[in-house]
C-alpha atoms as a PDB file:
ATOM      1  CA  MET A   1      -4.369 -15.581  25.273  1.00  0.00           C
ATOM      2  CA  LYS A   2      -4.698 -16.497  21.590  1.00  0.00           C
ATOM      3  CA  LYS A   3      -1.480 -16.064  19.588  1.00  0.00           C
ATOM      4  CA  ILE A   4      -1.909 -15.081  15.938  1.00  0.00           C
ATOM      5  CA  LEU A   5       0.548 -14.596  13.091  1.00  0.00           C
ATOM      6  CA  ILE A   6      -0.404 -12.707   9.898  1.00  0.00           C
ATOM      7  CA  ILE A   7       1.875 -13.229   6.890  1.00  0.00           C
ATOM      8  CA  GLN A   8       2.144 -10.621   4.138  1.00  0.00           C
ATOM      9  CA  THR A   9       5.623 -10.332   2.637  1.00  0.00           C
ATOM     10  CA  ALA A  10       4.616  -8.584  -0.593  1.00  0.00           C
ATOM     11  CA  SER A  11       5.002  -4.915  -1.489  1.00  0.00           C
ATOM     12  CA  THR A  12       4.322  -1.967   0.803  1.00  0.00           C
ATOM     13  CA  GLY A  13       0.841  -1.285  -0.557  1.00  0.00           C
ATOM     14  CA  ASP A  14      -0.244  -4.887  -0.026  1.00  0.00           C
ATOM     15  CA  VAL A  15       1.063  -4.791   3.526  1.00  0.00           C
ATOM     16  CA  ILE A  16      -0.861  -1.591   4.267  1.00  0.00           C
ATOM     17  CA  LEU A  17      -4.096  -3.147   2.988  1.00  0.00           C
ATOM     18  CA  ALA A  18      -3.467  -6.175   5.202  1.00  0.00           C
ATOM     19  CA  THR A  19      -3.614  -3.955   8.299  1.00  0.00           C
ATOM     20  CA  ALA A  20      -7.400  -4.157   8.044  1.00  0.00           C
ATOM     21  CA  LEU A  21      -7.072  -7.738   9.327  1.00  0.00           C
ATOM     22  CA  ILE A  22      -5.248  -6.462  12.399  1.00  0.00           C
ATOM     23  CA  GLU A  23      -8.120  -4.088  13.114  1.00  0.00           C
ATOM     24  CA  SER A  24     -10.765  -6.781  12.663  1.00  0.00           C
ATOM     25  CA  LEU A  25      -8.955  -9.427  14.708  1.00  0.00           C
ATOM     26  CA  HIS A  26      -8.243  -7.005  17.516  1.00  0.00           C
ATOM     27  CA  ARG A  27     -11.861  -5.876  17.651  1.00  0.00           C
ATOM     28  CA  ALA A  28     -13.035  -9.495  17.712  1.00  0.00           C
ATOM     29  CA  ASP A  29     -10.566 -10.474  20.449  1.00  0.00           C
ATOM     30  CA  PRO A  30      -8.840  -7.540  22.187  1.00  0.00           C
ATOM     31  CA  GLU A  31      -6.766  -9.933  24.302  1.00  0.00           C
ATOM     32  CA  ALA A  32      -5.237 -11.740  21.311  1.00  0.00           C
ATOM     33  CA  SER A  33      -1.497 -11.362  20.737  1.00  0.00           C
ATOM     34  CA  ILE A  34      -1.005 -10.484  17.055  1.00  0.00           C
ATOM     35  CA  ASP A  35       2.345 -10.756  15.272  1.00  0.00           C
ATOM     36  CA  PHE A  36       2.922  -9.673  11.681  1.00  0.00           C
ATOM     37  CA  LEU A  37       5.498 -11.075   9.248  1.00  0.00           C
ATOM     38  CA  VAL A  38       6.713  -8.677   6.534  1.00  0.00           C
ATOM     39  CA  LYS A  39       9.687  -8.466   4.239  1.00  0.00           C
ATOM     40  CA  LYS A  40      12.644  -6.403   5.402  1.00  0.00           C
ATOM     41  CA  GLY A  41      11.989  -2.715   4.822  1.00  0.00           C
ATOM     42  CA  ASN A  42       8.290  -2.674   5.668  1.00  0.00           C
ATOM     43  CA  GLU A  43       8.680  -3.086   9.409  1.00  0.00           C
ATOM     44  CA  THR A  44       8.820   0.691   9.955  1.00  0.00           C
ATOM     45  CA  LEU A  45       5.146   0.915   8.998  1.00  0.00           C
ATOM     46  CA  PHE A  46       4.348  -0.548  12.412  1.00  0.00           C
ATOM     47  CA  THR A  47       6.529   1.475  14.758  1.00  0.00           C
ATOM     48  CA  GLY A  48       4.436   2.033  17.870  1.00  0.00           C
ATOM     49  CA  HIS A  49       1.408   0.187  16.456  1.00  0.00           C
ATOM     50  CA  PRO A  50      -0.988  -0.327  19.383  1.00  0.00           C
ATOM     51  CA  PHE A  51      -2.323  -3.740  18.323  1.00  0.00           C
ATOM     52  CA  ILE A  52       0.867  -5.462  17.159  1.00  0.00           C
ATOM     53  CA  HIS A  53       2.832  -7.520  19.649  1.00  0.00           C
ATOM     54  CA  GLU A  54       5.838  -8.183  17.409  1.00  0.00           C
ATOM     55  CA  ILE A  55       6.929  -7.528  13.832  1.00  0.00           C
ATOM     56  CA  ILE A  56       8.901 -10.379  12.281  1.00  0.00           C
ATOM     57  CA  THR A  57      10.969  -9.564   9.216  1.00  0.00           C
ATOM     58  CA  TRP A  58      12.140 -11.789   6.400  1.00  0.00           C
ATOM     59  CA  ASP A  59      15.116 -10.356   4.527  1.00  0.00           C
ATOM     60  CA  LYS A  60      14.783 -11.606   0.945  1.00  0.00           C
ATOM     61  CA  ARG A  61      17.726  -9.641  -0.429  1.00  0.00           C
ATOM     62  CA  SER A  62      20.350 -12.288   0.297  1.00  0.00           C
ATOM     63  CA  GLU A  63      20.333 -15.878   1.538  1.00  0.00           C
ATOM     64  CA  LYS A  64      16.605 -15.770   0.912  1.00  0.00           C
ATOM     65  CA  TYR A  65      15.800 -19.372   1.745  1.00  0.00           C
ATOM     66  CA  GLY A  66      18.328 -19.679   4.534  1.00  0.00           C
ATOM     67  CA  ARG A  67      16.664 -16.715   6.188  1.00  0.00           C
ATOM     68  CA  LEU A  68      13.239 -18.236   5.485  1.00  0.00           C
ATOM     69  CA  PHE A  69      14.100 -21.335   7.520  1.00  0.00           C
ATOM     70  CA  ARG A  70      15.279 -19.123  10.374  1.00  0.00           C
ATOM     71  CA  VAL A  71      11.884 -17.418  10.289  1.00  0.00           C
ATOM     72  CA  ILE A  72      10.194 -20.833  10.297  1.00  0.00           C
ATOM     73  CA  ARG A  73      12.155 -21.836  13.412  1.00  0.00           C
ATOM     74  CA  GLN A  74      11.160 -18.560  15.034  1.00  0.00           C
ATOM     75  CA  ALA A  75       7.497 -19.192  14.227  1.00  0.00           C
ATOM     76  CA  ARG A  76       7.631 -22.715  15.663  1.00  0.00           C
ATOM     77  CA  GLN A  77       9.082 -21.369  18.900  1.00  0.00           C
ATOM     78  CA  LYS A  78       6.156 -18.943  19.188  1.00  0.00           C
ATOM     79  CA  LYS A  79       3.610 -21.801  19.207  1.00  0.00           C
ATOM     80  CA  TYR A  80       0.911 -19.866  17.384  1.00  0.00           C
ATOM     81  CA  ASP A  81      -2.729 -20.792  17.698  1.00  0.00           C
ATOM     82  CA  LEU A  82      -3.515 -19.325  14.271  1.00  0.00           C
ATOM     83  CA  VAL A  83      -1.484 -18.425  11.191  1.00  0.00           C
ATOM     84  CA  VAL A  84      -3.226 -16.335   8.506  1.00  0.00           C
ATOM     85  CA  ASN A  85      -1.232 -16.344   5.255  1.00  0.00           C
ATOM     86  CA  ILE A  86      -2.281 -13.681   2.748  1.00  0.00           C
ATOM     87  CA  GLN A  87       0.510 -14.577   0.311  1.00  0.00           C
ATOM     88  CA  ARG A  88      -0.048 -17.006  -2.530  1.00  0.00           C
ATOM     89  CA  PHE A  89       3.487 -18.278  -3.053  1.00  0.00           C
ATOM     90  CA  PHE A  90       5.209 -21.530  -2.170  1.00  0.00           C
ATOM     91  CA  SER A  91       7.675 -19.996   0.293  1.00  0.00           C
ATOM     92  CA  THR A  92       5.034 -18.569   2.620  1.00  0.00           C
ATOM     93  CA  GLY A  93       2.949 -21.703   2.153  1.00  0.00           C
ATOM     94  CA  LEU A  94       5.914 -23.706   3.427  1.00  0.00           C
ATOM     95  CA  LEU A  95       6.277 -21.351   6.368  1.00  0.00           C
ATOM     96  CA  THR A  96       2.586 -21.740   7.167  1.00  0.00           C
ATOM     97  CA  VAL A  97       2.645 -25.536   7.000  1.00  0.00           C
ATOM     98  CA  LEU A  98       5.837 -25.839   9.072  1.00  0.00           C
ATOM     99  CA  SER A  99       4.852 -23.178  11.621  1.00  0.00           C
ATOM    100  CA  GLY A 100       3.387 -25.772  13.972  1.00  0.00           C
ATOM    101  CA  ALA A 101       0.289 -23.625  14.433  1.00  0.00           C
ATOM    102  CA  ARG A 102      -2.888 -25.314  15.607  1.00  0.00           C
ATOM    103  CA  GLU A 103      -4.812 -23.663  12.770  1.00  0.00           C
ATOM    104  CA  THR A 104      -3.588 -22.390   9.405  1.00  0.00           C
ATOM    105  CA  ARG A 105      -5.469 -20.370   6.791  1.00  0.00           C
ATOM    106  CA  GLY A 106      -4.688 -19.037   3.335  1.00  0.00           C
ATOM    107  CA  PHE A 107      -5.803 -18.716  -0.245  1.00  0.00           C
ATOM    108  CA  SER A 108      -6.362 -21.747  -2.436  1.00  0.00           C
ATOM    109  CA  ARG A 109      -3.918 -20.370  -5.030  1.00  0.00           C
ATOM    110  CA  ASN A 110      -1.072 -21.074  -2.652  1.00  0.00           C
ATOM    111  CA  PRO A 111       0.618 -24.280  -3.895  1.00  0.00           C
ATOM    112  CA  LEU A 112       0.567 -25.754  -0.390  1.00  0.00           C
ATOM    113  CA  SER A 113      -2.946 -24.655   0.545  1.00  0.00           C
ATOM    114  CA  ILE A 114      -4.178 -28.242   0.466  1.00  0.00           C
ATOM    115  CA  LEU A 115      -2.268 -28.650   3.725  1.00  0.00           C
ATOM    116  CA  PHE A 116      -3.869 -25.622   5.387  1.00  0.00           C
ATOM    117  CA  THR A 117      -6.664 -26.029   7.910  1.00  0.00           C
ATOM    118  CA  ARG A 118      -8.804 -23.649   5.859  1.00  0.00           C
ATOM    119  CA  ARG A 119      -8.370 -22.282   2.348  1.00  0.00           C
ATOM    120  CA  VAL A 120     -10.362 -19.627   0.513  1.00  0.00           C
ATOM    121  CA  LYS A 121     -10.659 -18.716  -3.159  1.00  0.00           C
ATOM    122  CA  HIS A 122      -8.909 -15.511  -4.216  1.00  0.00           C
ATOM    123  CA  LEU A 123     -10.754 -13.902  -7.110  1.00  0.00           C
ATOM    124  CA  ILE A 124      -9.412 -10.777  -8.788  1.00  0.00           C
ATOM    125  CA  GLY A 125     -12.092  -8.480 -10.190  1.00  0.00           C
ATOM    126  CA  ARG A 126     -15.867  -8.668  -9.774  1.00  0.00           C
ATOM    127  CA  GLY A 127     -15.759  -5.362  -7.888  1.00  0.00           C
ATOM    128  CA  VAL A 128     -14.387  -6.952  -4.717  1.00  0.00           C
ATOM    129  CA  HIS A 129     -11.754  -4.911  -2.891  1.00  0.00           C
ATOM    130  CA  GLU A 130      -8.564  -6.586  -1.691  1.00  0.00           C
ATOM    131  CA  VAL A 131      -9.493  -5.741   1.894  1.00  0.00           C
ATOM    132  CA  SER A 132     -12.680  -7.792   1.514  1.00  0.00           C
ATOM    133  CA  ARG A 133     -10.815 -10.617  -0.223  1.00  0.00           C
ATOM    134  CA  ASN A 134      -8.378 -10.784   2.679  1.00  0.00           C
ATOM    135  CA  HIS A 135     -11.168 -10.635   5.218  1.00  0.00           C
ATOM    136  CA  ALA A 136     -12.685 -13.810   3.776  1.00  0.00           C
ATOM    137  CA  LEU A 137      -9.838 -15.621   5.542  1.00  0.00           C
ATOM    138  CA  ILE A 138     -11.225 -14.646   8.953  1.00  0.00           C
ATOM    139  CA  ASN A 139     -14.908 -13.913   8.334  1.00  0.00           C
ATOM    140  CA  ASP A 140     -15.970 -16.522  10.889  1.00  0.00           C
ATOM    141  CA  LEU A 141     -13.735 -14.928  13.530  1.00  0.00           C
ATOM    142  CA  ALA A 142     -14.747 -11.318  12.907  1.00  0.00           C
ATOM    143  CA  GLU A 143     -18.368 -11.682  11.926  1.00  0.00           C
ATOM    144  CA  SER A 144     -19.238  -7.991  12.097  1.00  0.00           C
ATOM    145  CA  GLY A 145     -17.340  -7.296   8.889  1.00  0.00           C
ATOM    146  CA  HIS A 146     -13.976  -5.886   7.937  1.00  0.00           C
ATOM    147  CA  LEU A 147     -12.558  -2.583   9.060  1.00  0.00           C
ATOM    148  CA  GLN A 148     -10.472  -0.124   7.065  1.00  0.00           C
ATOM    149  CA  PRO A 149      -6.689  -0.476   6.859  1.00  0.00           C
ATOM    150  CA  ARG A 150      -5.044   1.738   9.422  1.00  0.00           C
ATOM    151  CA  LEU A 151      -1.600   2.980  10.416  1.00  0.00           C
ATOM    152  CA  TYR A 152      -0.647   4.981  13.478  1.00  0.00           C
ATOM    153  CA  PRO A 153       1.790   7.890  13.074  1.00  0.00           C
ATOM    154  CA  SER A 154       3.166   8.797  16.491  1.00  0.00           C
ATOM    155  CA  PRO A 155       3.332  12.240  18.124  1.00  0.00           C
ATOM    156  CA  ALA A 156       7.022  12.200  17.179  1.00  0.00           C
ATOM    157  CA  ASP A 157       6.072  11.689  13.509  1.00  0.00           C
ATOM    158  CA  GLU A 158       3.667  14.616  13.749  1.00  0.00           C
ATOM    159  CA  THR A 159       6.392  16.755  15.302  1.00  0.00           C
ATOM    160  CA  VAL A 160       8.708  16.082  12.360  1.00  0.00           C
ATOM    161  CA  VAL A 161       6.186  17.454   9.858  1.00  0.00           C
ATOM    162  CA  ASP A 162       4.749  20.240  12.025  1.00  0.00           C
ATOM    163  CA  PRO A 163       7.127  22.909  10.646  1.00  0.00           C
ATOM    164  CA  ILE A 164       6.023  22.315   7.047  1.00  0.00           C
ATOM    165  CA  VAL A 165       2.254  22.066   7.386  1.00  0.00           C
ATOM    166  CA  THR A 166       1.503  25.791   7.521  1.00  0.00           C
ATOM    167  CA  GLY A 167      -0.878  27.226   4.937  1.00  0.00           C
ATOM    168  CA  THR A 168      -2.359  25.388   1.973  1.00  0.00           C
ATOM    169  CA  PHE A 169      -0.289  22.502   0.693  1.00  0.00           C
ATOM    170  CA  TYR A 170      -0.595  19.474  -1.544  1.00  0.00           C
ATOM    171  CA  THR A 171       1.434  16.294  -1.842  1.00  0.00           C
ATOM    172  CA  ILE A 172       2.309  14.502  -5.050  1.00  0.00           C
ATOM    173  CA  SER A 173       3.798  11.005  -5.088  1.00  0.00           C
ATOM    174  CA  PRO A 174       4.969  10.851  -8.707  1.00  0.00           C
ATOM    175  CA  ALA A 175       6.769   7.517  -8.842  1.00  0.00           C
ATOM    176  CA  SER A 176       5.726   3.879  -9.049  1.00  0.00           C
ATOM    177  CA  LEU A 177       7.572   0.562  -9.129  1.00  0.00           C
ATOM    178  CA  TRP A 178       6.071  -0.025 -12.588  1.00  0.00           C
ATOM    179  CA  PHE A 179       6.440   2.414 -15.479  1.00  0.00           C
ATOM    180  CA  THR A 180       2.951   1.796 -16.871  1.00  0.00           C
ATOM    181  CA  LYS A 181       1.379   2.609 -13.490  1.00  0.00           C
ATOM    182  CA  GLN A 182       3.263   5.897 -13.311  1.00  0.00           C
ATOM    183  CA  TYR A 183       1.686   9.141 -14.468  1.00  0.00           C
ATOM    184  CA  PRO A 184       4.275  10.758 -16.788  1.00  0.00           C
ATOM    185  CA  VAL A 185       6.515  13.580 -15.578  1.00  0.00           C
ATOM    186  CA  VAL A 186       5.174  15.903 -18.282  1.00  0.00           C
ATOM    187  CA  LYS A 187       1.641  15.383 -16.971  1.00  0.00           C
ATOM    188  CA  TRP A 188       2.644  16.033 -13.356  1.00  0.00           C
ATOM    189  CA  ILE A 189       4.190  19.274 -14.552  1.00  0.00           C
ATOM    190  CA  GLU A 190       0.889  20.213 -16.221  1.00  0.00           C
ATOM    191  CA  LEU A 191      -0.893  19.722 -12.917  1.00  0.00           C
ATOM    192  CA  ILE A 192       1.647  21.664 -10.868  1.00  0.00           C
ATOM    193  CA  ARG A 193       1.412  24.652 -13.208  1.00  0.00           C
ATOM    194  CA  GLN A 194      -2.323  24.866 -12.388  1.00  0.00           C
ATOM    195  CA  ILE A 195      -1.738  25.097  -8.629  1.00  0.00           C
ATOM    196  CA  PRO A 196      -1.706  28.648  -7.210  1.00  0.00           C
ATOM    197  CA  GLY A 197       1.772  30.015  -6.650  1.00  0.00           C
ATOM    198  CA  ASP A 198       1.192  30.686  -2.953  1.00  0.00           C
ATOM    199  CA  ALA A 199       0.529  26.999  -2.231  1.00  0.00           C
ATOM    200  CA  ARG A 200       3.243  24.528  -1.340  1.00  0.00           C
ATOM    201  CA  ILE A 201       3.623  21.219  -3.139  1.00  0.00           C
ATOM    202  CA  TYR A 202       5.568  18.423  -1.456  1.00  0.00           C
ATOM    203  CA  LEU A 203       6.902  15.632  -3.661  1.00  0.00           C
ATOM    204  CA  LEU A 204       7.014  12.345  -1.751  1.00  0.00           C
ATOM    205  CA  GLY A 205       8.885   9.146  -2.527  1.00  0.00           C
ATOM    206  CA  ALA A 206      11.894   6.968  -1.875  1.00  0.00           C
ATOM    207  CA  PRO A 207      15.529   8.099  -2.212  1.00  0.00           C
ATOM    208  CA  ALA A 208      15.608   6.576  -5.715  1.00  0.00           C
ATOM    209  CA  ASP A 209      12.801   8.936  -6.765  1.00  0.00           C
ATOM    210  CA  GLN A 210      14.843  12.054  -6.090  1.00  0.00           C
ATOM    211  CA  PRO A 211      16.090  12.501  -9.712  1.00  0.00           C
ATOM    212  CA  MET A 212      12.508  12.440 -10.987  1.00  0.00           C
ATOM    213  CA  CYS A 213      11.456  14.941  -8.343  1.00  0.00           C
ATOM    214  CA  GLU A 214      14.343  17.238  -9.270  1.00  0.00           C
ATOM    215  CA  GLU A 215      13.301  17.095 -12.917  1.00  0.00           C
ATOM    216  CA  ILE A 216       9.728  17.996 -12.008  1.00  0.00           C
ATOM    217  CA  ILE A 217      10.888  20.948  -9.880  1.00  0.00           C
ATOM    218  CA  LEU A 218      13.213  22.217 -12.615  1.00  0.00           C
ATOM    219  CA  LYS A 219      10.656  22.046 -15.412  1.00  0.00           C
ATOM    220  CA  ALA A 220       7.487  23.023 -13.535  1.00  0.00           C
ATOM    221  CA  GLY A 221       8.741  26.466 -12.587  1.00  0.00           C
ATOM    222  CA  HIS A 222       6.479  26.632  -9.528  1.00  0.00           C
ATOM    223  CA  PRO A 223       7.962  28.531  -6.549  1.00  0.00           C
ATOM    224  CA  GLY A 224       6.387  26.280  -3.938  1.00  0.00           C
ATOM    225  CA  VAL A 225       7.549  22.801  -5.008  1.00  0.00           C
ATOM    226  CA  ILE A 226       9.784  20.992  -2.511  1.00  0.00           C
ATOM    227  CA  SER A 227      11.099  17.439  -2.782  1.00  0.00           C
ATOM    228  CA  LEU A 228      10.905  15.311   0.349  1.00  0.00           C
ATOM    229  CA  ALA A 229      11.825  12.096  -1.489  1.00  0.00           C
ATOM    230  CA  GLY A 230      13.868   9.916   0.835  1.00  0.00           C
ATOM    231  CA  LYS A 231      13.573  12.409   3.708  1.00  0.00           C
ATOM    232  CA  LEU A 232      10.493  11.094   5.507  1.00  0.00           C
ATOM    233  CA  SER A 233       9.603   7.669   6.891  1.00  0.00           C
ATOM    234  CA  PHE A 234       6.366   5.954   5.899  1.00  0.00           C
ATOM    235  CA  LEU A 235       4.632   7.141   9.051  1.00  0.00           C
ATOM    236  CA  GLN A 236       5.982  10.683   8.736  1.00  0.00           C
ATOM    237  CA  SER A 237       4.704  10.789   5.160  1.00  0.00           C
ATOM    238  CA  ALA A 238       1.318   9.585   6.383  1.00  0.00           C
ATOM    239  CA  ALA A 239       1.283  12.291   9.061  1.00  0.00           C
ATOM    240  CA  LEU A 240       1.923  14.881   6.352  1.00  0.00           C
ATOM    241  CA  MET A 241      -0.663  13.471   3.950  1.00  0.00           C
ATOM    242  CA  LYS A 242      -3.526  13.554   6.410  1.00  0.00           C
ATOM    243  CA  ARG A 243      -3.060  17.310   6.809  1.00  0.00           C
ATOM    244  CA  ALA A 244      -2.808  18.126   3.091  1.00  0.00           C
ATOM    245  CA  ARG A 245      -5.497  19.850   1.043  1.00  0.00           C
ATOM    246  CA  MET A 246      -5.156  16.953  -1.411  1.00  0.00           C
ATOM    247  CA  ASN A 247      -2.780  14.080  -2.093  1.00  0.00           C
ATOM    248  CA  PHE A 248      -2.178  13.023  -5.702  1.00  0.00           C
ATOM    249  CA  THR A 249      -0.869   9.504  -6.241  1.00  0.00           C
ATOM    250  CA  ASN A 250      -0.543   6.747  -8.793  1.00  0.00           C
ATOM    251  CA  ASP A 251      -2.148   3.350  -8.287  1.00  0.00           C
ATOM    252  CA  SER A 252       0.655   2.560  -5.846  1.00  0.00           C
ATOM    253  CA  ALA A 253       1.658   2.409  -2.179  1.00  0.00           C
ATOM    254  CA  PRO A 254       1.167   6.138  -1.363  1.00  0.00           C
ATOM    255  CA  MET A 255      -2.518   5.774  -2.294  1.00  0.00           C
ATOM    256  CA  HIS A 256      -2.871   3.071   0.355  1.00  0.00           C
ATOM    257  CA  LEU A 257      -0.816   5.121   2.807  1.00  0.00           C
ATOM    258  CA  ALA A 258      -3.393   7.897   2.426  1.00  0.00           C
ATOM    259  CA  SER A 259      -6.241   5.412   2.953  1.00  0.00           C
ATOM    260  CA  ALA A 260      -4.634   4.138   6.152  1.00  0.00           C
ATOM    261  CA  VAL A 261      -4.880   7.586   7.778  1.00  0.00           C
ATOM    262  CA  ASN A 262      -8.086   8.598   5.962  1.00  0.00           C
ATOM    263  CA  ALA A 263      -6.290  11.388   4.109  1.00  0.00           C
ATOM    264  CA  PRO A 264      -7.894  12.991   1.034  1.00  0.00           C
ATOM    265  CA  VAL A 265      -6.573  11.314  -2.084  1.00  0.00           C
ATOM    266  CA  THR A 266      -6.851  11.491  -5.852  1.00  0.00           C
ATOM    267  CA  ALA A 267      -5.560   8.281  -7.412  1.00  0.00           C
ATOM    268  CA  ILE A 268      -4.496   8.161 -11.056  1.00  0.00           C
ATOM    269  CA  TYR A 269      -4.924   4.873 -12.905  1.00  0.00           C
ATOM    270  CA  CYS A 270      -2.900   4.436 -16.079  1.00  0.00           C
ATOM    271  CA  SER A 271      -2.478   0.829 -17.270  1.00  0.00           C
ATOM    272  CA  THR A 272      -4.366  -0.738 -14.353  1.00  0.00           C
ATOM    273  CA  ILE A 273      -8.035  -0.384 -13.436  1.00  0.00           C
ATOM    274  CA  PRO A 274      -9.898   0.059 -10.130  1.00  0.00           C
ATOM    275  CA  GLY A 275     -11.845  -3.110 -10.901  1.00  0.00           C
ATOM    276  CA  PHE A 276      -8.856  -5.187  -9.791  1.00  0.00           C
ATOM    277  CA  GLY A 277      -9.867  -4.245  -6.240  1.00  0.00           C
ATOM    278  CA  PHE A 278      -6.993  -2.073  -5.029  1.00  0.00           C
ATOM    279  CA  GLY A 279      -8.698   1.322  -5.035  1.00  0.00           C
ATOM    280  CA  PRO A 280      -8.454   4.127  -2.459  1.00  0.00           C
ATOM    281  CA  LEU A 281     -10.536   3.811   0.698  1.00  0.00           C
ATOM    282  CA  SER A 282     -10.382   7.303   2.206  1.00  0.00           C
ATOM    283  CA  SER A 283     -13.704   9.020   2.823  1.00  0.00           C
ATOM    284  CA  ASP A 284     -12.552  11.768   0.433  1.00  0.00           C
ATOM    285  CA  ALA A 285     -11.219   9.742  -2.490  1.00  0.00           C
ATOM    286  CA  ALA A 286     -11.445  10.077  -6.257  1.00  0.00           C
ATOM    287  CA  ILE A 287     -10.204   7.938  -9.130  1.00  0.00           C
ATOM    288  CA  VAL A 288      -8.908   9.527 -12.314  1.00  0.00           C
ATOM    289  CA  GLU A 289      -8.477   7.500 -15.500  1.00  0.00           C
ATOM    290  CA  ILE A 290      -8.718   7.971 -19.238  1.00  0.00           C
ATOM    291  CA  GLY A 291     -12.240   8.782 -20.326  1.00  0.00           C
ATOM    292  CA  THR A 292     -12.258   6.564 -23.399  1.00  0.00           C
ATOM    293  CA  SER A 293     -12.033   2.808 -23.734  1.00  0.00           C
ATOM    294  CA  LEU A 294      -8.740   1.312 -24.891  1.00  0.00           C
ATOM    295  CA  ALA A 295      -8.561  -2.236 -26.238  1.00  0.00           C
ATOM    296  CA  CYS A 296      -5.157  -2.667 -24.569  1.00  0.00           C
ATOM    297  CA  ARG A 297      -6.238  -1.531 -21.090  1.00  0.00           C
ATOM    298  CA  PRO A 298      -5.727  -3.061 -18.641  1.00  0.00           C
ATOM    299  CA  CYS A 299      -2.536  -4.639 -19.925  1.00  0.00           C
ATOM    300  CA  GLY A 300      -1.766  -6.435 -16.667  1.00  0.00           C
ATOM    301  CA  LEU A 301      -2.414  -6.613 -12.964  1.00  0.00           C
ATOM    302  CA  HIS A 302       0.864  -4.989 -11.914  1.00  0.00           C
ATOM    303  CA  GLY A 303       1.980  -3.053 -14.968  1.00  0.00           C
ATOM    304  CA  TYR A 304       5.111  -3.222 -17.114  1.00  0.00           C
ATOM    305  CA  THR A 305       8.471  -1.499 -17.456  1.00  0.00           C
ATOM    306  CA  ALA A 306       7.288  -0.039 -20.779  1.00  0.00           C
ATOM    307  CA  CYS A 307       4.010   0.334 -22.641  1.00  0.00           C
ATOM    308  CA  PRO A 308       3.517  -2.885 -24.660  1.00  0.00           C
ATOM    309  CA  GLU A 309       1.809  -0.888 -27.416  1.00  0.00           C
ATOM    310  CA  LYS A 310       4.452   1.879 -27.308  1.00  0.00           C
ATOM    311  CA  HIS A 311       1.911   4.721 -27.133  1.00  0.00           C
ATOM    312  CA  PHE A 312       1.072   4.880 -23.380  1.00  0.00           C
ATOM    313  CA  GLN A 313      -2.256   6.474 -24.228  1.00  0.00           C
ATOM    314  CA  CYS A 314      -3.811   5.235 -20.988  1.00  0.00           C
ATOM    315  CA  ALA A 315      -1.699   7.859 -19.199  1.00  0.00           C
ATOM    316  CA  LEU A 316      -1.129  10.533 -21.822  1.00  0.00           C
ATOM    317  CA  GLY A 317      -4.850  10.586 -22.655  1.00  0.00           C
ATOM    318  CA  ILE A 318      -5.863  11.740 -19.162  1.00  0.00           C
ATOM    319  CA  GLU A 319      -6.951  15.389 -19.301  1.00  0.00           C
ATOM    320  CA  SER A 320      -5.397  17.799 -16.802  1.00  0.00           C
ATOM    321  CA  GLN A 321      -8.809  19.186 -15.815  1.00  0.00           C
ATOM    322  CA  GLN A 322      -9.705  15.771 -14.429  1.00  0.00           C
ATOM    323  CA  LEU A 323      -7.081  16.487 -11.759  1.00  0.00           C
ATOM    324  CA  THR A 324      -7.408  20.231 -11.324  1.00  0.00           C
ATOM    325  CA  LYS A 325     -11.023  19.941 -10.210  1.00  0.00           C
ATOM    326  CA  ARG A 326      -9.651  18.131  -7.146  1.00  0.00           C
ATOM    327  CA  LEU A 327      -7.414  21.028  -6.117  1.00  0.00           C
END
């Protein structure tokens, strides 16, 4: 049996997109044993995943490099046939090189890629989605083309959300790691005020997003808004999203969470653009962005903690009717 390790220790959204490789590799070789290395905190995405043999976690929060060498020792003990490294940083390049795997693959931007068995160019833009970029690492192994990213909420996850999925409901994931990728609170409130009063609106996010959600609830004045920030796991959130009338997100992890269960999604792009290749992949997906060209947009691949031009027009210039037509 072929033993494979996939490495993606970046943010949650990047990890979700990398699940498309699991689907493709499993389809190409159903007997392969596939492990996945993620940073601590993202392992719960894969609870009960049918095609993952083991999730390996790297805790970067303390003793980062000491823990890295423990992961390297663990990888060497596994005696992998193939290591596929999606990351483009020295640390995961070192892990790949020292893994002892018979074959190693990664992107040429990784500083140690010259030591990989195979390296591939990673080009942002040109209309190529990240899923396709990642698939270039294994296109000779899964010749029939890439599959969609996918996660697998369990029956237990469905049971958790069953009591709250009655009637018409929407989800809104208002927060983002980056301020300039985050649709402003005042604009979320505009949207919520256009949603019929008999519909429920669930605000999703991490525990740290609860203050923002409370502000939205207080100012929106809608009787059906409920904050679930910090109350659901990733997979429970996904189970809820796939049963919603519509899910509204930023260009952030919840958008990819919706894609991974083929949930309807409306993704709002503020400072970033879909052309970077991280757009939604659900069959019912729409992108909302400002209708006029701005010389300052996009201002970066990941966004900033504040608008560099101090006007944030890329977000404030989005008209509410662009969203309400998706209700």
